[in-house]
Structures are given as C-alpha cells and as structure tokens.
Amino acid sequence: AEYILLVTAHGLLFGSALFGMYQQNRQGVLQR
C-alpha cells in the first residue's frame, strides 16, 4: 500500500501541475 500511495502522490503532483497550466486566470484555492 505504501508504494501505491507513493506513486499516487507523484501522480497528484504532476496532475495538479497540468491542471494549473490551464487555470492561469481563475480564482479559487484549488486553482492557486
């Protein structure tokens, strides 16, 4: 389980970065 959590955390980081690339002029905590 710890390895699955580890790869999931990395996926969330890169996924958030990809999401952020398209949220440049939008408000909100998640967007920031």
PDB file of all heavy atoms in Angstrom:
ATOM      1  N   ALA A   1       0.817  -1.217   0.000  1.00  0.00           N
ATOM      2  CA  ALA A   1       0.000   0.000   0.000  1.00  0.00           C
ATOM      3  C   ALA A   1       0.848   1.263   0.000  1.00  0.00           C
ATOM      4  O   ALA A   1       0.481   2.267  -0.629  1.00  0.00           O
ATOM      5  CB  ALA A   1      -0.927  -0.006   1.222  1.00  0.00           C
ATOM      6  N   GLU A   2       1.997   1.243   0.695  1.00  0.00           N
ATOM      7  CA  GLU A   2       2.829   2.442   0.778  1.00  0.00           C
ATOM      8  C   GLU A   2       3.401   2.825  -0.586  1.00  0.00           C
ATOM      9  O   GLU A   2       3.581   4.010  -0.894  1.00  0.00           O
ATOM     10  CB  GLU A   2       3.957   2.266   1.799  1.00  0.00           C
ATOM     11  CG  GLU A   2       4.980   1.197   1.470  1.00  0.00           C
ATOM     12  CD  GLU A   2       4.625  -0.164   2.065  1.00  0.00           C
ATOM     13  OE1 GLU A   2       3.418  -0.435   2.198  1.00  0.00           O
ATOM     14  OE2 GLU A   2       5.548  -0.922   2.403  1.00  0.00           O
ATOM     15  N   TYR A   3       3.668   1.834  -1.437  1.00  0.00           N
ATOM     16  CA  TYR A   3       4.188   2.117  -2.765  1.00  0.00           C
ATOM     17  C   TYR A   3       3.085   2.696  -3.663  1.00  0.00           C
ATOM     18  O   TYR A   3       3.350   3.568  -4.498  1.00  0.00           O
ATOM     19  CB  TYR A   3       4.775   0.861  -3.404  1.00  0.00           C
ATOM     20  CG  TYR A   3       5.985   0.315  -2.686  1.00  0.00           C
ATOM     21  CD1 TYR A   3       6.379  -1.017  -2.851  1.00  0.00           C
ATOM     22  CD2 TYR A   3       6.748   1.113  -1.844  1.00  0.00           C
ATOM     23  CE1 TYR A   3       7.491  -1.530  -2.205  1.00  0.00           C
ATOM     24  CE2 TYR A   3       7.866   0.610  -1.178  1.00  0.00           C
ATOM     25  CZ  TYR A   3       8.222  -0.714  -1.362  1.00  0.00           C
ATOM     26  OH  TYR A   3       9.331  -1.214  -0.703  1.00  0.00           O
ATOM     27  N   ILE A   4       1.878   2.182  -3.478  1.00  0.00           N
ATOM     28  CA  ILE A   4       0.745   2.706  -4.248  1.00  0.00           C
ATOM     29  C   ILE A   4       0.470   4.159  -3.852  1.00  0.00           C
ATOM     30  O   ILE A   4       0.215   5.023  -4.708  1.00  0.00           O
ATOM     31  CB  ILE A   4      -0.515   1.847  -4.015  1.00  0.00           C
ATOM     32  CG1 ILE A   4      -0.253   0.397  -4.446  1.00  0.00           C
ATOM     33  CG2 ILE A   4      -1.701   2.431  -4.779  1.00  0.00           C
ATOM     34  CD1 ILE A   4       0.146   0.231  -5.892  1.00  0.00           C
ATOM     35  N   LEU A   5       0.551   4.427  -2.541  1.00  0.00           N
ATOM     36  CA  LEU A   5       0.359   5.800  -2.073  1.00  0.00           C
ATOM     37  C   LEU A   5       1.456   6.716  -2.617  1.00  0.00           C
ATOM     38  O   LEU A   5       1.196   7.876  -2.966  1.00  0.00           O
ATOM     39  CB  LEU A   5       0.363   5.833  -0.543  1.00  0.00           C
ATOM     40  CG  LEU A   5      -0.868   5.277   0.152  1.00  0.00           C
ATOM     41  CD1 LEU A   5      -0.652   5.239   1.671  1.00  0.00           C
ATOM     42  CD2 LEU A   5      -2.098   6.143  -0.168  1.00  0.00           C
ATOM     43  N   LEU A   6       2.660   6.187  -2.688  1.00  0.00           N
ATOM     44  CA  LEU A   6       3.797   6.966  -3.167  1.00  0.00           C
ATOM     45  C   LEU A   6       3.612   7.372  -4.625  1.00  0.00           C
ATOM     46  O   LEU A   6       3.780   8.544  -4.985  1.00  0.00           O
ATOM     47  CB  LEU A   6       5.077   6.145  -3.009  1.00  0.00           C
ATOM     48  CG  LEU A   6       6.410   6.884  -3.150  1.00  0.00           C
ATOM     49  CD1 LEU A   6       6.536   7.967  -2.091  1.00  0.00           C
ATOM     50  CD2 LEU A   6       7.558   5.897  -3.050  1.00  0.00           C
ATOM     51  N   VAL A   7       3.255   6.418  -5.473  1.00  0.00           N
ATOM     52  CA  VAL A   7       3.077   6.738  -6.889  1.00  0.00           C
ATOM     53  C   VAL A   7       1.834   7.603  -7.094  1.00  0.00           C
ATOM     54  O   VAL A   7       1.799   8.457  -7.996  1.00  0.00           O
ATOM     55  CB  VAL A   7       3.017   5.442  -7.737  1.00  0.00           C
ATOM     56  CG1 VAL A   7       1.660   4.745  -7.603  1.00  0.00           C
ATOM     57  CG2 VAL A   7       3.315   5.753  -9.196  1.00  0.00           C
ATOM     58  N   THR A   8       0.837   7.426  -6.225  1.00  0.00           N
ATOM     59  CA  THR A   8      -0.367   8.267  -6.308  1.00  0.00           C
ATOM     60  C   THR A   8      -0.035   9.715  -5.971  1.00  0.00           C
ATOM     61  O   THR A   8      -0.528  10.644  -6.624  1.00  0.00           O
ATOM     62  CB  THR A   8      -1.453   7.748  -5.345  1.00  0.00           C
ATOM     63  OG1 THR A   8      -1.798   6.408  -5.695  1.00  0.00           O
ATOM     64  CG2 THR A   8      -2.702   8.618  -5.428  1.00  0.00           C
ATOM     65  N   ALA A   9       0.801   9.909  -4.962  1.00  0.00           N
ATOM     66  CA  ALA A   9       1.201  11.273  -4.571  1.00  0.00           C
ATOM     67  C   ALA A   9       1.929  11.962  -5.722  1.00  0.00           C
ATOM     68  O   ALA A   9       1.702  13.146  -6.000  1.00  0.00           O
ATOM     69  CB  ALA A   9       2.085  11.220  -3.331  1.00  0.00           C
ATOM     70  N   HIS A  10       2.816  11.238  -6.389  1.00  0.00           N
ATOM     71  CA  HIS A  10       3.511  11.820  -7.538  1.00  0.00           C
ATOM     72  C   HIS A  10       2.536  12.134  -8.665  1.00  0.00           C
ATOM     73  O   HIS A  10       2.645  13.170  -9.338  1.00  0.00           O
ATOM     74  CB  HIS A  10       4.607  10.873  -8.041  1.00  0.00           C
ATOM     75  CG  HIS A  10       5.840  10.875  -7.196  1.00  0.00           C
ATOM     76  ND1 HIS A  10       5.968  10.119  -6.054  1.00  0.00           N
ATOM     77  CD2 HIS A  10       7.010  11.553  -7.325  1.00  0.00           C
ATOM     78  CE1 HIS A  10       7.163  10.315  -5.526  1.00  0.00           C
ATOM     79  NE2 HIS A  10       7.815  11.182  -6.263  1.00  0.00           N
ATOM     80  N   GLY A  11       1.587  11.232  -8.868  1.00  0.00           N
ATOM     81  CA  GLY A  11       0.577  11.470  -9.898  1.00  0.00           C
ATOM     82  C   GLY A  11      -0.243  12.705  -9.602  1.00  0.00           C
ATOM     83  O   GLY A  11      -0.562  13.497 -10.510  1.00  0.00           O
ATOM     84  N   LEU A  12      -0.584  12.909  -8.329  1.00  0.00           N
ATOM     85  CA  LEU A  12      -1.341  14.105  -7.946  1.00  0.00           C
ATOM     86  C   LEU A  12      -0.536  15.378  -8.172  1.00  0.00           C
ATOM     87  O   LEU A  12      -1.075  16.404  -8.604  1.00  0.00           O
ATOM     88  CB  LEU A  12      -1.759  14.002  -6.472  1.00  0.00           C
ATOM     89  CG  LEU A  12      -2.893  13.032  -6.154  1.00  0.00           C
ATOM     90  CD1 LEU A  12      -3.082  12.915  -4.629  1.00  0.00           C
ATOM     91  CD2 LEU A  12      -4.192  13.504  -6.806  1.00  0.00           C
ATOM     92  N   LEU A  13       0.769  15.317  -7.869  1.00  0.00           N
ATOM     93  CA  LEU A  13       1.621  16.492  -8.075  1.00  0.00           C
ATOM     94  C   LEU A  13       1.666  16.881  -9.545  1.00  0.00           C
ATOM     95  O   LEU A  13       1.418  18.047  -9.897  1.00  0.00           O
ATOM     96  CB  LEU A  13       3.041  16.189  -7.578  1.00  0.00           C
ATOM     97  CG  LEU A  13       4.097  17.267  -7.887  1.00  0.00           C
ATOM     98  CD1 LEU A  13       3.753  18.580  -7.194  1.00  0.00           C
ATOM     99  CD2 LEU A  13       5.490  16.788  -7.476  1.00  0.00           C
ATOM    100  N   PHE A  14       1.952  15.916 -10.414  1.00  0.00           N
ATOM    101  CA  PHE A  14       2.044  16.221 -11.841  1.00  0.00           C
ATOM    102  C   PHE A  14       0.673  16.523 -12.437  1.00  0.00           C
ATOM    103  O   PHE A  14       0.554  17.363 -13.330  1.00  0.00           O
ATOM    104  CB  PHE A  14       2.717  15.062 -12.585  1.00  0.00           C
ATOM    105  CG  PHE A  14       4.187  14.951 -12.306  1.00  0.00           C
ATOM    106  CD1 PHE A  14       4.685  13.957 -11.468  1.00  0.00           C
ATOM    107  CD2 PHE A  14       5.086  15.848 -12.864  1.00  0.00           C
ATOM    108  CE1 PHE A  14       6.047  13.855 -11.212  1.00  0.00           C
ATOM    109  CE2 PHE A  14       6.449  15.758 -12.610  1.00  0.00           C
ATOM    110  CZ  PHE A  14       6.928  14.765 -11.777  1.00  0.00           C
ATOM    111  N   GLY A  15      -0.343  15.849 -11.924  1.00  0.00           N
ATOM    112  CA  GLY A  15      -1.694  16.140 -12.393  1.00  0.00           C
ATOM    113  C   GLY A  15      -2.118  17.553 -12.014  1.00  0.00           C
ATOM    114  O   GLY A  15      -2.739  18.269 -12.811  1.00  0.00           O
ATOM    115  N   SER A  16      -1.785  17.962 -10.784  1.00  0.00           N
ATOM    116  CA  SER A  16      -2.106  19.319 -10.333  1.00  0.00           C
ATOM    117  C   SER A  16      -1.364  20.356 -11.176  1.00  0.00           C
ATOM    118  O   SER A  16      -1.917  21.399 -11.515  1.00  0.00           O
ATOM    119  CB  SER A  16      -1.729  19.492  -8.863  1.00  0.00           C
ATOM    120  OG  SER A  16      -2.477  18.630  -8.044  1.00  0.00           O
ATOM    121  N   ALA A  17      -0.100  20.045 -11.503  1.00  0.00           N
ATOM    122  CA  ALA A  17       0.678  20.966 -12.337  1.00  0.00           C
ATOM    123  C   ALA A  17       0.052  21.097 -13.719  1.00  0.00           C
ATOM    124  O   ALA A  17      -0.044  22.204 -14.271  1.00  0.00           O
ATOM    125  CB  ALA A  17       2.120  20.474 -12.452  1.00  0.00           C
ATOM    126  N   LEU A  18      -0.396  19.975 -14.284  1.00  0.00           N
ATOM    127  CA  LEU A  18      -1.046  20.007 -15.593  1.00  0.00           C
ATOM    128  C   LEU A  18      -2.349  20.786 -15.523  1.00  0.00           C
ATOM    129  O   LEU A  18      -2.659  21.594 -16.418  1.00  0.00           O
ATOM    130  CB  LEU A  18      -1.305  18.572 -16.070  1.00  0.00           C
ATOM    131  CG  LEU A  18      -1.899  18.415 -17.472  1.00  0.00           C
ATOM    132  CD1 LEU A  18      -0.933  18.969 -18.520  1.00  0.00           C
ATOM    133  CD2 LEU A  18      -2.204  16.935 -17.750  1.00  0.00           C
ATOM    134  N   PHE A  19      -3.109  20.577 -14.456  1.00  0.00           N
ATOM    135  CA  PHE A  19      -4.352  21.321 -14.248  1.00  0.00           C
ATOM    136  C   PHE A  19      -4.053  22.812 -14.098  1.00  0.00           C
ATOM    137  O   PHE A  19      -4.735  23.666 -14.671  1.00  0.00           O
ATOM    138  CB  PHE A  19      -5.061  20.788 -12.999  1.00  0.00           C
ATOM    139  CG  PHE A  19      -6.333  21.499 -12.656  1.00  0.00           C
ATOM    140  CD1 PHE A  19      -7.472  21.347 -13.439  1.00  0.00           C
ATOM    141  CD2 PHE A  19      -6.398  22.331 -11.542  1.00  0.00           C
ATOM    142  CE1 PHE A  19      -8.652  22.004 -13.110  1.00  0.00           C
ATOM    143  CE2 PHE A  19      -7.557  22.992 -11.209  1.00  0.00           C
ATOM    144  CZ  PHE A  19      -8.699  22.821 -11.997  1.00  0.00           C
ATOM    145  N   GLY A  20      -2.995  23.127 -13.339  1.00  0.00           N
ATOM    146  CA  GLY A  20      -2.638  24.524 -13.114  1.00  0.00           C
ATOM    147  C   GLY A  20      -2.220  25.246 -14.369  1.00  0.00           C
ATOM    148  O   GLY A  20      -2.376  26.460 -14.488  1.00  0.00           O
ATOM    149  N   MET A  21      -1.668  24.509 -15.331  1.00  0.00           N
ATOM    150  CA  MET A  21      -1.243  25.122 -16.589  1.00  0.00           C
ATOM    151  C   MET A  21      -2.423  25.748 -17.321  1.00  0.00           C
ATOM    152  O   MET A  21      -2.264  26.721 -18.059  1.00  0.00           O
ATOM    153  CB  MET A  21      -0.567  24.065 -17.462  1.00  0.00           C
ATOM    154  CG  MET A  21      -0.026  24.590 -18.771  1.00  0.00           C
ATOM    155  SD  MET A  21       1.099  23.406 -19.588  1.00  0.00           S
ATOM    156  CE  MET A  21       0.011  21.987 -19.782  1.00  0.00           C
ATOM    157  N   TYR A  22      -3.618  25.210 -17.102  1.00  0.00           N
ATOM    158  CA  TYR A  22      -4.816  25.714 -17.784  1.00  0.00           C
ATOM    159  C   TYR A  22      -5.720  26.522 -16.860  1.00  0.00           C
ATOM    160  O   TYR A  22      -6.860  26.811 -17.202  1.00  0.00           O
ATOM    161  CB  TYR A  22      -5.604  24.541 -18.384  1.00  0.00           C
ATOM    162  CG  TYR A  22      -4.826  23.781 -19.418  1.00  0.00           C
ATOM    163  CD1 TYR A  22      -4.212  22.565 -19.099  1.00  0.00           C
ATOM    164  CD2 TYR A  22      -4.675  24.285 -20.707  1.00  0.00           C
ATOM    165  CE1 TYR A  22      -3.479  21.868 -20.046  1.00  0.00           C
ATOM    166  CE2 TYR A  22      -3.949  23.589 -21.664  1.00  0.00           C
ATOM    167  CZ  TYR A  22      -3.351  22.384 -21.324  1.00  0.00           C
ATOM    168  OH  TYR A  22      -2.617  21.700 -22.268  1.00  0.00           O
ATOM    169  N   GLN A  23      -5.201  26.893 -15.682  1.00  0.00           N
ATOM    170  CA  GLN A  23      -6.006  27.655 -14.715  1.00  0.00           C
ATOM    171  C   GLN A  23      -5.361  29.002 -14.404  1.00  0.00           C
ATOM    172  O   GLN A  23      -5.481  29.529 -13.309  1.00  0.00           O
ATOM    173  CB  GLN A  23      -6.153  26.852 -13.416  1.00  0.00           C
ATOM    174  CG  GLN A  23      -6.770  25.489 -13.583  1.00  0.00           C
ATOM    175  CD  GLN A  23      -8.197  25.558 -14.081  1.00  0.00           C
ATOM    176  OE1 GLN A  23      -9.005  26.353 -13.588  1.00  0.00           O
ATOM    177  NE2 GLN A  23      -8.528  24.748 -15.071  1.00  0.00           N
ATOM    178  N   GLN A  24      -4.644  29.576 -15.364  1.00  0.00           N
ATOM    179  CA  GLN A  24      -3.798  30.719 -15.081  1.00  0.00           C
ATOM    180  C   GLN A  24      -4.551  31.977 -14.658  1.00  0.00           C
ATOM    181  O   GLN A  24      -4.021  32.822 -13.967  1.00  0.00           O
ATOM    182  CB  GLN A  24      -2.927  31.033 -16.300  1.00  0.00           C
ATOM    183  CG  GLN A  24      -1.907  29.952 -16.594  1.00  0.00           C
ATOM    184  CD  GLN A  24      -0.973  29.716 -15.418  1.00  0.00           C
ATOM    185  OE1 GLN A  24      -0.230  30.593 -15.005  1.00  0.00           O
ATOM    186  NE2 GLN A  24      -1.009  28.533 -14.851  1.00  0.00           N
ATOM    187  N   ASN A  25      -5.778  32.141 -15.040  1.00  0.00           N
ATOM    188  CA  ASN A  25      -6.504  33.368 -14.690  1.00  0.00           C
ATOM    189  C   ASN A  25      -7.828  33.064 -13.996  1.00  0.00           C
ATOM    190  O   ASN A  25      -8.811  33.778 -14.166  1.00  0.00           O
ATOM    191  CB  ASN A  25      -6.740  34.217 -15.948  1.00  0.00           C
ATOM    192  CG  ASN A  25      -5.440  34.787 -16.494  1.00  0.00           C
ATOM    193  OD1 ASN A  25      -4.686  35.432 -15.771  1.00  0.00           O
ATOM    194  ND2 ASN A  25      -5.161  34.521 -17.756  1.00  0.00           N
ATOM    195  N   ARG A  26      -7.840  32.010 -13.203  1.00  0.00           N
ATOM    196  CA  ARG A  26      -9.053  31.644 -12.485  1.00  0.00           C
ATOM    197  C   ARG A  26      -8.808  31.705 -10.985  1.00  0.00           C
ATOM    198  O   ARG A  26      -7.732  31.383 -10.512  1.00  0.00           O
ATOM    199  CB  ARG A  26      -9.515  30.242 -12.897  1.00  0.00           C
ATOM    200  CG  ARG A  26      -9.908  30.175 -14.377  1.00  0.00           C
ATOM    201  CD  ARG A  26     -10.505  28.833 -14.728  1.00  0.00           C
ATOM    202  NE  ARG A  26     -10.868  28.770 -16.136  1.00  0.00           N
ATOM    203  CZ  ARG A  26     -11.443  27.729 -16.710  1.00  0.00           C
ATOM    204  NH1 ARG A  26     -11.729  26.654 -15.990  1.00  0.00           N
ATOM    205  NH2 ARG A  26     -11.730  27.744 -17.989  1.00  0.00           N
ATOM    206  N   GLN A  27      -9.842  32.093 -10.252  1.00  0.00           N
ATOM    207  CA  GLN A  27      -9.748  32.239  -8.806  1.00  0.00           C
ATOM    208  C   GLN A  27     -10.074  30.925  -8.122  1.00  0.00           C
ATOM    209  O   GLN A  27     -10.598  29.997  -8.736  1.00  0.00           O
ATOM    210  CB  GLN A  27     -10.727  33.330  -8.330  1.00  0.00           C
ATOM    211  CG  GLN A  27     -10.450  34.702  -8.911  1.00  0.00           C
ATOM    212  CD  GLN A  27      -9.298  35.406  -8.210  1.00  0.00           C
ATOM    213  OE1 GLN A  27      -8.657  34.829  -7.341  1.00  0.00           O
ATOM    214  NE2 GLN A  27      -9.026  36.640  -8.589  1.00  0.00           N
ATOM    215  N   GLY A  28      -9.767  30.847  -6.822  1.00  0.00           N
ATOM    216  CA  GLY A  28     -10.090  29.662  -6.050  1.00  0.00           C
ATOM    217  C   GLY A  28      -8.862  29.022  -5.448  1.00  0.00           C
ATOM    218  O   GLY A  28      -7.769  29.093  -6.023  1.00  0.00           O
ATOM    219  N   VAL A  29      -9.040  28.402  -4.275  1.00  0.00           N
ATOM    220  CA  VAL A  29      -7.918  27.776  -3.570  1.00  0.00           C
ATOM    221  C   VAL A  29      -7.308  26.660  -4.403  1.00  0.00           C
ATOM    222  O   VAL A  29      -6.077  26.544  -4.525  1.00  0.00           O
ATOM    223  CB  VAL A  29      -8.386  27.231  -2.204  1.00  0.00           C
ATOM    224  CG1 VAL A  29      -7.254  26.470  -1.524  1.00  0.00           C
ATOM    225  CG2 VAL A  29      -8.872  28.366  -1.314  1.00  0.00           C
ATOM    226  N   LEU A  30      -8.146  25.816  -4.993  1.00  0.00           N
ATOM    227  CA  LEU A  30      -7.661  24.694  -5.785  1.00  0.00           C
ATOM    228  C   LEU A  30      -6.842  25.184  -6.976  1.00  0.00           C
ATOM    229  O   LEU A  30      -5.782  24.638  -7.283  1.00  0.00           O
ATOM    230  CB  LEU A  30      -8.836  23.845  -6.275  1.00  0.00           C
ATOM    231  CG  LEU A  30      -8.470  22.592  -7.096  1.00  0.00           C
ATOM    232  CD1 LEU A  30      -7.636  21.639  -6.243  1.00  0.00           C
ATOM    233  CD2 LEU A  30      -9.737  21.890  -7.588  1.00  0.00           C
ATOM    234  N   GLN A  31      -7.342  26.236  -7.622  1.00  0.00           N
ATOM    235  CA  GLN A  31      -6.630  26.790  -8.782  1.00  0.00           C
ATOM    236  C   GLN A  31      -5.273  27.364  -8.371  1.00  0.00           C
ATOM    237  O   GLN A  31      -4.274  27.185  -9.064  1.00  0.00           O
ATOM    238  CB  GLN A  31      -7.483  27.868  -9.454  1.00  0.00           C
ATOM    239  CG  GLN A  31      -8.646  27.342 -10.275  1.00  0.00           C
ATOM    240  CD  GLN A  31      -9.837  26.950  -9.414  1.00  0.00           C
ATOM    241  OE1 GLN A  31      -9.816  27.126  -8.196  1.00  0.00           O
ATOM    242  NE2 GLN A  31     -10.882  26.420 -10.042  1.00  0.00           N
ATOM    243  N   ARG A  32      -5.243  28.048  -7.234  1.00  0.00           N
ATOM    244  CA  ARG A  32      -3.983  28.637  -6.765  1.00  0.00           C
ATOM    245  C   ARG A  32      -2.964  27.565  -6.421  1.00  0.00           C
ATOM    246  O   ARG A  32      -1.782  27.670  -6.766  1.00  0.00           O
ATOM    247  CB  ARG A  32      -4.255  29.527  -5.553  1.00  0.00           C
ATOM    248  CG  ARG A  32      -5.020  30.806  -5.890  1.00  0.00           C
ATOM    249  CD  ARG A  32      -5.288  31.615  -4.648  1.00  0.00           C
ATOM    250  NE  ARG A  32      -6.047  32.815  -4.964  1.00  0.00           N
ATOM    251  CZ  ARG A  32      -6.492  33.692  -4.063  1.00  0.00           C
ATOM    252  NH1 ARG A  32      -6.237  33.475  -2.776  1.00  0.00           N
ATOM    253  NH2 ARG A  32      -7.163  34.744  -4.432  1.00  0.00           N
TER     254      ARG A  32
END
